[in-house]
Amino acid sequence: MTLLTSLPAPGSYRVTGTGHRPSAYAVSELANASVAAVGLAMADLIAALNLAARAPEVTVDQRLASLWFGASFHPDGWEMPALWDPIAGDYPCADGWIRLHTNLPHHRAAALSVLGCAEDREAVAAEVAHWDGDPLEQAVVAAGGVAAALRSRADWQAHPQGKAVAAEPLVDWIKPRRVVLRDRPEASLSRPLQGMRVLDLTRVLAGPVSTRTLAGFGADVLRIDPPGWDEPGVLQEISLGKYMAQLNLRSALDRERLKDLLAQADVLVHGYRPGALEALGLDLATRDAIAPNRIEVTLNAYGWTGPWAGRRGFDSLVQMSAGIAHAGQDWARSDRPTPLPVQALDHGTGYLMAAAVLSALAAAARGEEVAVARLSLARMAETLVALPKNLGGAQIHTADAADLGPHEDSGWGPARRLSPPLSLEGCAMCWRWPASPSGTYAPRWDAA
């Protein structure tokens, strides 16, 4: 198997379960394929590490894969915090629609500074109505915020960034080099990533999905957040199985601590925009010097080439930009943008990032060169748009009791987690630690 470049073909894995997410696009087909990509890459790694006599068969549960694209965490007897702040959402503007993403305080402040109004949804709506979409999007971005005007597929395909993204590979491998993997005698068929150290420098949502997936096969995932960090309604979903720690990277002492952690890591997964790691003194040459034998996978929102390569973004914004919410509006016969029923770009990209890690590990185990893998939400959008819809059966909306696994004593309260969507012969996904808030663990590899 060469390094991962695309989603697996139907028929290369076994599918159980039925149903589909109702959407203008092939959301459940993407769920099946991206989860299967992890399984097939894991089977290849198991073979490369000689953990089994042959590569194990891969099975994806179609219903569970579709559900994991939504929420896997289900509180037991208490309510989850709101996922969105009161200002975030879609607003009519003078020539269409725009989405403001204001969950983070500095993004909210940027949008309000441009609009010049109070932190009140009605006041924001009144001001947005005076703007055309493109100028307001540009003004919010220039102020350090995040926003996306609604575009059609034709508009996006004609846009310089849309053209750039369409020309990029789904998984862009750069800077190939030789990597010598650290011995992990504790690795086994049942826990093939046992003892592997994964340094997680990611935020909502694709990057954390990838590292949560690796933790499900035994990896020690150490996630580093800023002091006081929280993502209400999200950390419960993605902190499963991880050591959730914090460092202040504005501090020289904590930056050195991060370098020490990187030097001991087998895998680095990060979602920093171009230039951000360089600003921390961790450019690629420095990372190569500190951790020459690491596997590295990264992502951004809008792709790695083109005028928006450095633009902040999230799944919901990319759906607006790339024409997905516009196509959904037509499909639903609605008078407003209609996004996918789940954040499928995040989840699909996250599983493919995990598969890229496994693919690189397998290549290194065979003595082949590996490279840094780069993925983006916008490129995943192009893959989703091109994916044929072929699944029928009942519509999948919410989980039933039969979909849930055993009790999880999370750091917020009792809960149940969806049963895993992926299985391999002799190798089942499971997590050692329940979900926990950021800062629960110390920033070290023996945090437990």
Protein backbone atom coordinates (compact mmCIF):
# COMPACT_ATOMS: atom_id res chain seq x y z
CA MET A 1 0.00 0.00 0.00
CA THR A 2 1.36 3.42 -0.93
CA LEU A 3 0.68 6.54 1.13
CA LEU A 4 -3.01 7.38 1.42
CA THR A 5 -4.27 9.66 -1.35
CA SER A 6 -8.03 9.06 -1.61
CA LEU A 7 -11.08 7.51 -0.02
CA PRO A 8 -11.27 3.71 -0.37
CA ALA A 9 -13.37 2.16 -3.08
CA PRO A 10 -16.71 0.55 -2.17
CA GLY A 11 -16.22 -3.19 -1.83
CA SER A 12 -12.78 -2.90 -0.23
CA TYR A 13 -14.41 -3.21 3.20
CA ARG A 14 -17.45 -4.88 4.72
CA VAL A 15 -20.53 -2.83 5.61
CA THR A 16 -23.22 -3.71 8.13
CA GLY A 17 -26.22 -1.68 9.22
CA THR A 18 -28.58 0.42 7.14
CA GLY A 19 -29.95 3.91 6.73
CA HIS A 20 -28.64 7.28 5.64
CA ARG A 21 -28.43 10.92 6.70
CA PRO A 22 -30.93 12.95 4.62
CA SER A 23 -29.00 15.58 2.67
CA ALA A 24 -28.37 17.09 -0.73
CA TYR A 25 -25.06 15.28 -0.63
CA ALA A 26 -23.72 11.79 0.13
CA VAL A 27 -23.10 12.32 3.85
CA SER A 28 -23.54 8.69 4.94
CA GLU A 29 -21.47 7.50 1.97
CA LEU A 30 -18.69 9.81 3.16
CA ALA A 31 -19.09 8.51 6.72
CA ASN A 32 -18.69 4.92 5.56
CA ALA A 33 -15.69 5.66 3.34
CA SER A 34 -13.78 7.88 5.76
CA VAL A 35 -14.25 5.49 8.70
CA ALA A 36 -13.25 2.60 6.40
CA ALA A 37 -10.11 4.53 5.40
CA VAL A 38 -9.01 4.33 9.03
CA GLY A 39 -9.74 0.60 9.18
CA LEU A 40 -7.91 -0.22 5.96
CA ALA A 41 -4.90 1.88 6.93
CA MET A 42 -4.87 0.18 10.34
CA ALA A 43 -5.05 -3.26 8.71
CA ASP A 44 -2.07 -2.30 6.54
CA LEU A 45 -0.14 -1.10 9.60
CA ILE A 46 -0.92 -4.33 11.47
CA ALA A 47 0.52 -6.26 8.53
CA ALA A 48 3.57 -3.98 8.26
CA LEU A 49 4.31 -4.43 11.98
CA ASN A 50 3.82 -8.22 11.73
CA LEU A 51 1.16 -8.12 14.45
CA ALA A 52 -0.95 -10.71 12.61
CA ALA A 53 -0.41 -13.38 9.98
CA ARG A 54 -2.51 -11.36 7.54
CA ALA A 55 -4.20 -8.00 7.31
CA PRO A 56 -7.52 -8.25 9.21
CA GLU A 57 -10.89 -7.74 7.54
CA VAL A 58 -12.41 -4.29 8.07
CA THR A 59 -16.09 -3.78 8.95
CA VAL A 60 -17.97 -0.47 9.11
CA ASP A 61 -21.37 -0.18 10.74
CA GLN A 62 -23.22 2.19 8.42
CA ARG A 63 -25.70 3.42 11.01
CA LEU A 64 -23.05 4.01 13.66
CA ALA A 65 -20.68 5.71 11.21
CA SER A 66 -23.47 8.13 10.27
CA LEU A 67 -24.24 8.75 13.95
CA TRP A 68 -20.57 9.36 14.84
CA PHE A 69 -20.61 12.12 12.22
CA GLY A 70 -23.01 13.83 14.60
CA ALA A 71 -22.74 13.44 18.38
CA SER A 72 -21.18 10.38 20.00
CA PHE A 73 -21.54 11.73 23.57
CA HIS A 74 -24.96 11.47 25.24
CA PRO A 75 -25.41 12.95 28.75
CA ASP A 76 -27.26 10.82 31.25
CA GLY A 77 -29.56 12.94 33.39
CA TRP A 78 -28.15 16.37 32.56
CA GLU A 79 -28.08 18.81 29.64
CA MET A 80 -25.15 19.67 27.39
CA PRO A 81 -24.11 23.35 27.20
CA ALA A 82 -25.16 25.27 24.10
CA LEU A 83 -22.95 24.58 21.10
CA TRP A 84 -23.29 28.08 19.65
CA ASP A 85 -23.09 31.49 21.29
CA PRO A 86 -26.14 33.81 20.91
CA ILE A 87 -24.62 35.83 18.03
CA ALA A 88 -23.38 33.00 15.81
CA GLY A 89 -25.49 32.07 12.82
CA ASP A 90 -26.80 32.99 9.37
CA TYR A 91 -28.04 36.52 8.66
CA PRO A 92 -29.77 38.04 5.62
CA CYS A 93 -27.63 40.75 4.05
CA ALA A 94 -28.38 43.20 1.26
CA ASP A 95 -27.55 40.75 -1.54
CA GLY A 96 -27.98 37.33 0.08
CA TRP A 97 -26.78 35.68 3.27
CA ILE A 98 -23.71 35.62 5.49
CA ARG A 99 -22.69 33.43 8.40
CA LEU A 100 -20.92 34.85 11.44
CA HIS A 101 -18.91 32.44 13.61
CA THR A 102 -18.58 34.06 17.03
CA ASN A 103 -18.06 31.25 19.55
CA LEU A 104 -14.59 32.48 20.49
CA PRO A 105 -14.56 35.87 22.28
CA HIS A 106 -12.00 37.48 19.96
CA HIS A 107 -13.96 36.38 16.87
CA ARG A 108 -17.15 37.82 18.35
CA ALA A 109 -15.37 41.08 19.21
CA ALA A 110 -14.03 41.35 15.65
CA ALA A 111 -17.50 40.98 14.09
CA LEU A 112 -19.06 43.48 16.51
CA SER A 113 -16.27 45.99 15.89
CA VAL A 114 -16.99 45.93 12.16
CA LEU A 115 -20.75 46.19 12.62
CA GLY A 116 -20.42 48.84 15.34
CA CYS A 117 -23.32 47.52 17.38
CA ALA A 118 -24.12 46.01 20.74
CA GLU A 119 -23.73 42.31 21.53
CA ASP A 120 -27.36 41.63 20.71
CA ARG A 121 -28.70 39.38 17.96
CA GLU A 122 -31.39 41.82 16.80
CA ALA A 123 -28.88 44.66 16.65
CA VAL A 124 -26.45 42.50 14.68
CA ALA A 125 -29.21 41.49 12.23
CA ALA A 126 -30.17 45.13 11.68
CA GLU A 127 -26.59 46.13 10.86
CA VAL A 128 -25.85 43.08 8.67
CA ALA A 129 -28.91 43.91 6.53
CA HIS A 130 -27.15 47.09 5.30
CA TRP A 131 -24.10 45.21 3.98
CA ASP A 132 -23.46 43.17 0.84
CA GLY A 133 -22.06 39.74 1.69
CA ASP A 134 -18.59 39.92 0.16
CA PRO A 135 -17.57 43.30 1.65
CA LEU A 136 -18.82 42.31 5.09
CA GLU A 137 -17.00 38.97 4.90
CA GLN A 138 -13.80 40.75 3.93
CA ALA A 139 -14.18 43.36 6.68
CA VAL A 140 -14.76 40.78 9.42
CA VAL A 141 -11.80 38.69 8.25
CA ALA A 142 -9.57 41.79 8.10
CA ALA A 143 -10.56 42.56 11.70
CA GLY A 144 -9.41 39.11 12.81
CA GLY A 145 -12.83 37.47 12.78
CA VAL A 146 -14.39 34.65 10.79
CA ALA A 147 -17.35 34.88 8.44
CA ALA A 148 -18.53 33.46 5.13
CA ALA A 149 -20.95 34.84 2.56
CA LEU A 150 -23.28 32.35 0.89
CA ARG A 151 -22.01 31.30 -2.53
CA SER A 152 -23.38 28.94 -5.13
CA ARG A 153 -21.32 26.04 -6.44
CA ALA A 154 -20.82 27.94 -9.69
CA ASP A 155 -19.62 31.01 -7.79
CA TRP A 156 -17.16 28.91 -5.78
CA GLN A 157 -15.83 27.08 -8.83
CA ALA A 158 -15.17 30.44 -10.49
CA HIS A 159 -13.57 31.93 -7.35
CA PRO A 160 -9.74 32.01 -7.20
CA GLN A 161 -9.79 30.00 -3.95
CA GLY A 162 -12.28 27.49 -5.30
CA LYS A 163 -10.08 26.95 -8.35
CA ALA A 164 -6.97 26.54 -6.18
CA VAL A 165 -8.61 24.01 -3.86
CA ALA A 166 -10.02 21.95 -6.75
CA ALA A 167 -6.47 21.53 -8.08
CA GLU A 168 -5.08 20.27 -4.75
CA PRO A 169 -4.87 16.57 -3.82
CA LEU A 170 -7.17 15.30 -1.10
CA VAL A 171 -4.10 14.36 0.95
CA ASP A 172 -1.06 16.47 0.06
CA TRP A 173 2.20 14.75 1.05
CA ILE A 174 5.19 17.13 1.21
CA LYS A 175 8.86 16.99 2.25
CA PRO A 176 9.48 13.20 2.07
CA ARG A 177 12.16 11.79 4.36
CA ARG A 178 13.26 8.60 6.09
CA VAL A 179 11.68 7.90 9.47
CA VAL A 180 12.85 5.29 11.95
CA LEU A 181 10.00 4.21 14.22
CA ARG A 182 10.60 3.78 17.93
CA ASP A 183 10.28 0.21 19.20
CA ARG A 184 6.96 -0.41 20.94
CA PRO A 185 7.05 -3.94 22.37
CA GLU A 186 3.63 -3.37 23.97
CA ALA A 187 1.95 -3.09 20.54
CA SER A 188 -0.32 -6.03 19.73
CA LEU A 189 -3.08 -6.98 17.34
CA SER A 190 -5.71 -5.96 19.89
CA ARG A 191 -3.99 -2.62 20.66
CA PRO A 192 -1.72 -1.81 17.69
CA LEU A 193 -0.98 1.78 18.79
CA GLN A 194 -0.23 0.94 22.44
CA GLY A 195 2.68 3.05 23.67
CA MET A 196 2.59 5.47 20.74
CA ARG A 197 2.85 9.12 21.76
CA VAL A 198 0.64 11.52 19.81
CA LEU A 199 1.07 15.26 20.44
CA ASP A 200 -2.28 16.91 19.68
CA LEU A 201 -2.20 20.63 18.84
CA THR A 202 -5.67 20.86 17.31
CA ARG A 203 -9.01 22.58 17.96
CA VAL A 204 -12.61 22.19 16.76
CA LEU A 205 -13.31 19.64 15.19
CA ALA A 206 -11.47 17.69 12.47
CA GLY A 207 -8.09 17.49 14.18
CA PRO A 208 -9.53 16.35 17.52
CA VAL A 209 -11.59 13.68 15.71
CA SER A 210 -8.38 12.30 14.21
CA THR A 211 -6.57 12.05 17.54
CA ARG A 212 -9.64 10.66 19.31
CA THR A 213 -9.61 7.92 16.68
CA LEU A 214 -5.94 7.13 17.31
CA ALA A 215 -6.62 6.98 21.06
CA GLY A 216 -9.27 4.35 20.33
CA PHE A 217 -6.53 1.99 19.17
CA GLY A 218 -4.28 2.52 22.18
CA ALA A 219 -2.27 5.67 21.41
CA ASP A 220 -1.25 7.98 24.25
CA VAL A 221 -2.73 11.28 23.04
CA LEU A 222 -1.55 14.42 24.84
CA ARG A 223 -3.56 17.48 23.84
CA ILE A 224 -2.18 20.93 24.64
CA ASP A 225 -4.52 23.90 25.03
CA PRO A 226 -4.00 27.49 26.23
CA PRO A 227 -4.66 28.21 29.92
CA GLY A 228 -8.37 28.42 30.73
CA TRP A 229 -9.39 26.90 27.38
CA ASP A 230 -12.90 25.54 26.93
CA GLU A 231 -15.06 24.55 23.99
CA PRO A 232 -18.56 24.12 25.48
CA GLY A 233 -20.42 21.27 23.88
CA VAL A 234 -17.33 20.15 21.96
CA LEU A 235 -14.76 18.97 24.51
CA GLN A 236 -17.23 16.37 25.75
CA GLU A 237 -17.30 14.98 22.24
CA ILE A 238 -13.60 14.96 21.35
CA SER A 239 -11.56 14.63 24.57
CA LEU A 240 -12.35 10.91 24.88
CA GLY A 241 -9.24 8.87 25.64
CA LYS A 242 -6.90 11.88 25.79
CA TYR A 243 -4.64 13.50 28.35
CA MET A 244 -6.06 17.05 28.31
CA ALA A 245 -3.30 19.47 29.36
CA GLN A 246 -2.51 23.18 29.07
CA LEU A 247 0.54 25.32 28.32
CA ASN A 248 0.91 29.07 27.88
CA LEU A 249 2.84 29.28 24.62
CA ARG A 250 3.33 33.02 25.12
CA SER A 251 5.73 31.97 27.87
CA ALA A 252 9.29 31.07 26.86
CA LEU A 253 9.38 28.40 29.57
CA ASP A 254 6.21 26.72 28.28
CA ARG A 255 7.43 26.92 24.68
CA GLU A 256 10.53 25.00 25.74
CA ARG A 257 8.30 22.49 27.51
CA LEU A 258 6.36 22.03 24.27
CA LYS A 259 9.62 21.35 22.43
CA ASP A 260 10.53 18.72 25.04
CA LEU A 261 7.15 17.04 24.50
CA LEU A 262 7.64 17.13 20.73
CA ALA A 263 11.09 15.57 21.06
CA GLN A 264 9.50 12.54 22.74
CA ALA A 265 6.48 12.30 20.41
CA ASP A 266 6.01 9.69 17.71
CA VAL A 267 3.24 11.64 15.97
CA LEU A 268 2.43 15.35 15.71
CA VAL A 269 -1.06 16.41 14.65
CA HIS A 270 -1.74 20.14 14.41
CA GLY A 271 -4.18 22.57 12.90
CA TYR A 272 -2.16 25.77 12.98
CA ARG A 273 -2.54 28.16 10.07
CA PRO A 274 0.55 28.78 7.89
CA GLY A 275 3.07 30.82 9.87
CA ALA A 276 1.65 30.12 13.33
CA LEU A 277 4.13 27.41 14.34
CA GLU A 278 6.94 29.53 12.92
CA ALA A 279 5.87 32.32 15.26
CA LEU A 280 6.34 29.88 18.16
CA GLY A 281 9.85 29.00 17.02
CA LEU A 282 8.72 25.66 15.59
CA ASP A 283 9.19 25.97 11.83
CA LEU A 284 9.52 22.76 9.81
CA ALA A 285 13.32 22.73 9.98
CA THR A 286 13.16 23.05 13.77
CA ARG A 287 10.55 20.31 14.04
CA ASP A 288 12.77 18.08 11.90
CA ALA A 289 15.74 18.80 14.19
CA ILE A 290 13.78 18.24 17.42
CA ALA A 291 11.81 15.17 16.29
CA PRO A 292 13.38 13.79 13.09
CA ASN A 293 11.46 10.52 13.32
CA ARG A 294 7.98 11.89 13.94
CA ILE A 295 4.95 11.34 11.74
CA GLU A 296 3.21 14.67 11.08
CA VAL A 297 -0.28 15.43 9.81
CA THR A 298 -1.89 18.87 9.64
CA LEU A 299 -4.97 20.61 8.31
CA ASN A 300 -6.45 24.01 7.61
CA ALA A 301 -9.85 25.29 6.52
CA TYR A 302 -9.53 26.67 3.00
CA GLY A 303 -6.66 24.75 1.43
CA TRP A 304 -2.90 25.15 1.12
CA THR A 305 -2.70 27.25 -2.04
CA GLY A 306 -4.62 30.26 -3.31
CA PRO A 307 -5.42 33.64 -1.75
CA TRP A 308 -7.30 32.17 1.22
CA ALA A 309 -4.69 29.60 2.27
CA GLY A 310 -4.09 31.46 5.53
CA ARG A 311 -7.74 32.26 6.26
CA ARG A 312 -9.35 31.05 9.46
CA GLY A 313 -12.39 28.90 8.97
CA PHE A 314 -14.69 26.22 10.30
CA ASP A 315 -16.90 23.53 8.76
CA SER A 316 -20.03 25.67 8.78
CA LEU A 317 -18.21 28.52 7.05
CA VAL A 318 -16.67 26.33 4.38
CA GLN A 319 -20.13 24.93 3.63
CA MET A 320 -21.29 28.51 2.97
CA SER A 321 -18.28 29.39 0.84
CA ALA A 322 -18.12 26.21 -1.24
CA GLY A 323 -21.77 26.16 -2.32
CA ILE A 324 -22.89 23.31 -0.08
CA ALA A 325 -25.34 25.37 1.99
CA HIS A 326 -26.66 26.95 -1.24
CA ALA A 327 -27.26 23.53 -2.83
CA GLY A 328 -28.90 22.40 0.40
CA GLN A 329 -31.26 25.36 0.24
CA ASP A 330 -32.38 24.30 -3.24
CA TRP A 331 -32.66 20.64 -2.17
CA ALA A 332 -34.75 21.50 0.89
CA ARG A 333 -36.81 24.09 -1.05
CA SER A 334 -35.99 26.53 1.70
CA ASP A 335 -35.69 30.31 1.74
CA ARG A 336 -32.44 30.24 3.75
CA PRO A 337 -29.05 28.48 3.65
CA THR A 338 -29.41 24.78 4.47
CA PRO A 339 -26.20 23.15 5.68
CA LEU A 340 -25.45 19.46 5.90
CA PRO A 341 -27.28 17.69 8.75
CA VAL A 342 -23.93 17.20 10.52
CA GLN A 343 -20.45 18.72 10.30
CA ALA A 344 -19.43 16.15 7.73
CA LEU A 345 -16.41 18.08 6.43
CA ASP A 346 -14.90 18.09 9.91
CA HIS A 347 -15.59 14.44 10.59
CA GLY A 348 -14.59 13.19 7.16
CA THR A 349 -11.35 15.16 7.28
CA GLY A 350 -10.67 14.00 10.83
CA TYR A 351 -10.97 10.31 9.99
CA LEU A 352 -8.86 10.79 6.88
CA MET A 353 -6.18 12.53 8.98
CA ALA A 354 -6.09 9.52 11.30
CA ALA A 355 -5.82 7.24 8.27
CA ALA A 356 -2.94 9.37 6.97
CA VAL A 357 -1.09 8.91 10.27
CA LEU A 358 -1.55 5.14 10.03
CA SER A 359 -0.55 5.11 6.37
CA ALA A 360 2.67 6.97 7.14
CA LEU A 361 3.44 4.64 10.05
CA ALA A 362 3.00 1.60 7.78
CA ALA A 363 5.26 3.12 5.12
CA ALA A 364 7.95 3.87 7.73
CA ALA A 365 7.67 0.33 9.12
CA ARG A 366 8.42 -0.98 5.62
CA GLY A 367 11.46 1.29 5.28
CA GLU A 368 9.81 3.62 2.77
CA GLU A 369 10.03 7.41 2.82
CA VAL A 370 7.19 9.25 4.52
CA ALA A 371 6.12 12.87 4.34
CA VAL A 372 4.06 15.50 6.11
CA ALA A 373 0.38 15.08 5.20
CA ARG A 374 -1.72 18.21 4.64
CA LEU A 375 -5.53 18.14 4.41
CA SER A 376 -8.22 20.81 4.37
CA LEU A 377 -11.95 21.14 4.94
CA ALA A 378 -12.40 22.88 1.59
CA ARG A 379 -10.77 20.02 -0.30
CA MET A 380 -12.96 17.53 1.57
CA ALA A 381 -15.94 19.59 0.40
CA GLU A 382 -14.92 18.93 -3.20
CA THR A 383 -14.68 15.21 -2.45
CA LEU A 384 -18.14 15.18 -0.86
CA VAL A 385 -19.72 17.06 -3.75
CA ALA A 386 -18.33 14.51 -6.23
CA LEU A 387 -19.33 11.46 -4.16
CA PRO A 388 -22.31 9.53 -5.62
CA LYS A 389 -25.42 9.13 -3.46
CA ASN A 390 -26.39 5.46 -3.45
CA LEU A 391 -27.63 4.63 0.07
CA GLY A 392 -31.28 4.10 0.87
CA GLY A 393 -33.16 2.79 3.85
CA ALA A 394 -34.51 4.73 6.80
CA GLN A 395 -33.34 8.25 7.48
CA ILE A 396 -30.85 8.54 10.36
CA HIS A 397 -31.36 11.47 12.72
CA THR A 398 -30.70 10.52 16.35
CA ALA A 399 -29.30 7.59 18.28
CA ASP A 400 -31.42 4.94 19.93
CA ALA A 401 -30.58 3.18 23.19
CA ALA A 402 -29.32 0.19 21.20
CA ASP A 403 -26.68 2.40 19.54
CA LEU A 404 -25.08 3.35 22.87
CA GLY A 405 -22.27 1.62 24.69
CA PRO A 406 -21.65 1.36 28.44
CA HIS A 407 -21.68 4.14 31.02
CA GLU A 408 -18.95 6.80 30.73
CA ASP A 409 -17.97 8.71 33.87
CA SER A 410 -16.98 11.92 32.08
CA GLY A 411 -15.47 14.99 33.67
CA TRP A 412 -18.82 16.77 33.35
CA GLY A 413 -21.14 14.04 34.55
CA PRO A 414 -22.44 10.57 33.68
CA ALA A 415 -22.97 9.81 30.02
CA ARG A 416 -23.10 7.10 27.42
CA ARG A 417 -21.05 6.99 24.25
CA LEU A 418 -22.04 5.56 20.89
CA SER A 419 -20.67 2.10 20.21
CA PRO A 420 -17.64 2.23 17.87
CA PRO A 421 -18.43 2.40 14.14
CA LEU A 422 -15.35 0.42 13.06
CA SER A 423 -14.05 -3.05 13.82
CA LEU A 424 -11.19 -5.20 12.60
CA GLU A 425 -10.70 -8.90 13.22
CA GLY A 426 -8.96 -9.15 16.60
CA CYS A 427 -8.81 -5.36 17.02
CA ALA A 428 -11.69 -3.37 18.50
CA MET A 429 -11.81 0.36 19.19
CA CYS A 430 -11.99 1.24 22.88
CA TRP A 431 -10.78 4.12 25.03
CA ARG A 432 -8.97 3.95 28.36
CA TRP A 433 -10.03 7.36 29.69
CA PRO A 434 -13.42 9.07 29.68
CA ALA A 435 -13.83 12.56 28.26
CA SER A 436 -12.37 15.24 30.52
CA PRO A 437 -12.05 19.04 30.58
CA SER A 438 -8.98 20.84 29.30
CA GLY A 439 -6.31 21.08 31.99
CA THR A 440 -7.30 17.85 33.76
CA TYR A 441 -3.82 16.37 33.25
CA ALA A 442 -0.28 17.69 33.53
CA PRO A 443 1.59 18.44 30.28
CA ARG A 444 3.82 15.36 30.32
CA TRP A 445 3.81 11.96 28.70
CA ASP A 446 3.34 10.09 31.98
CA ALA A 447 0.39 12.32 32.90
CA ALA A 448 -1.73 9.45 34.17
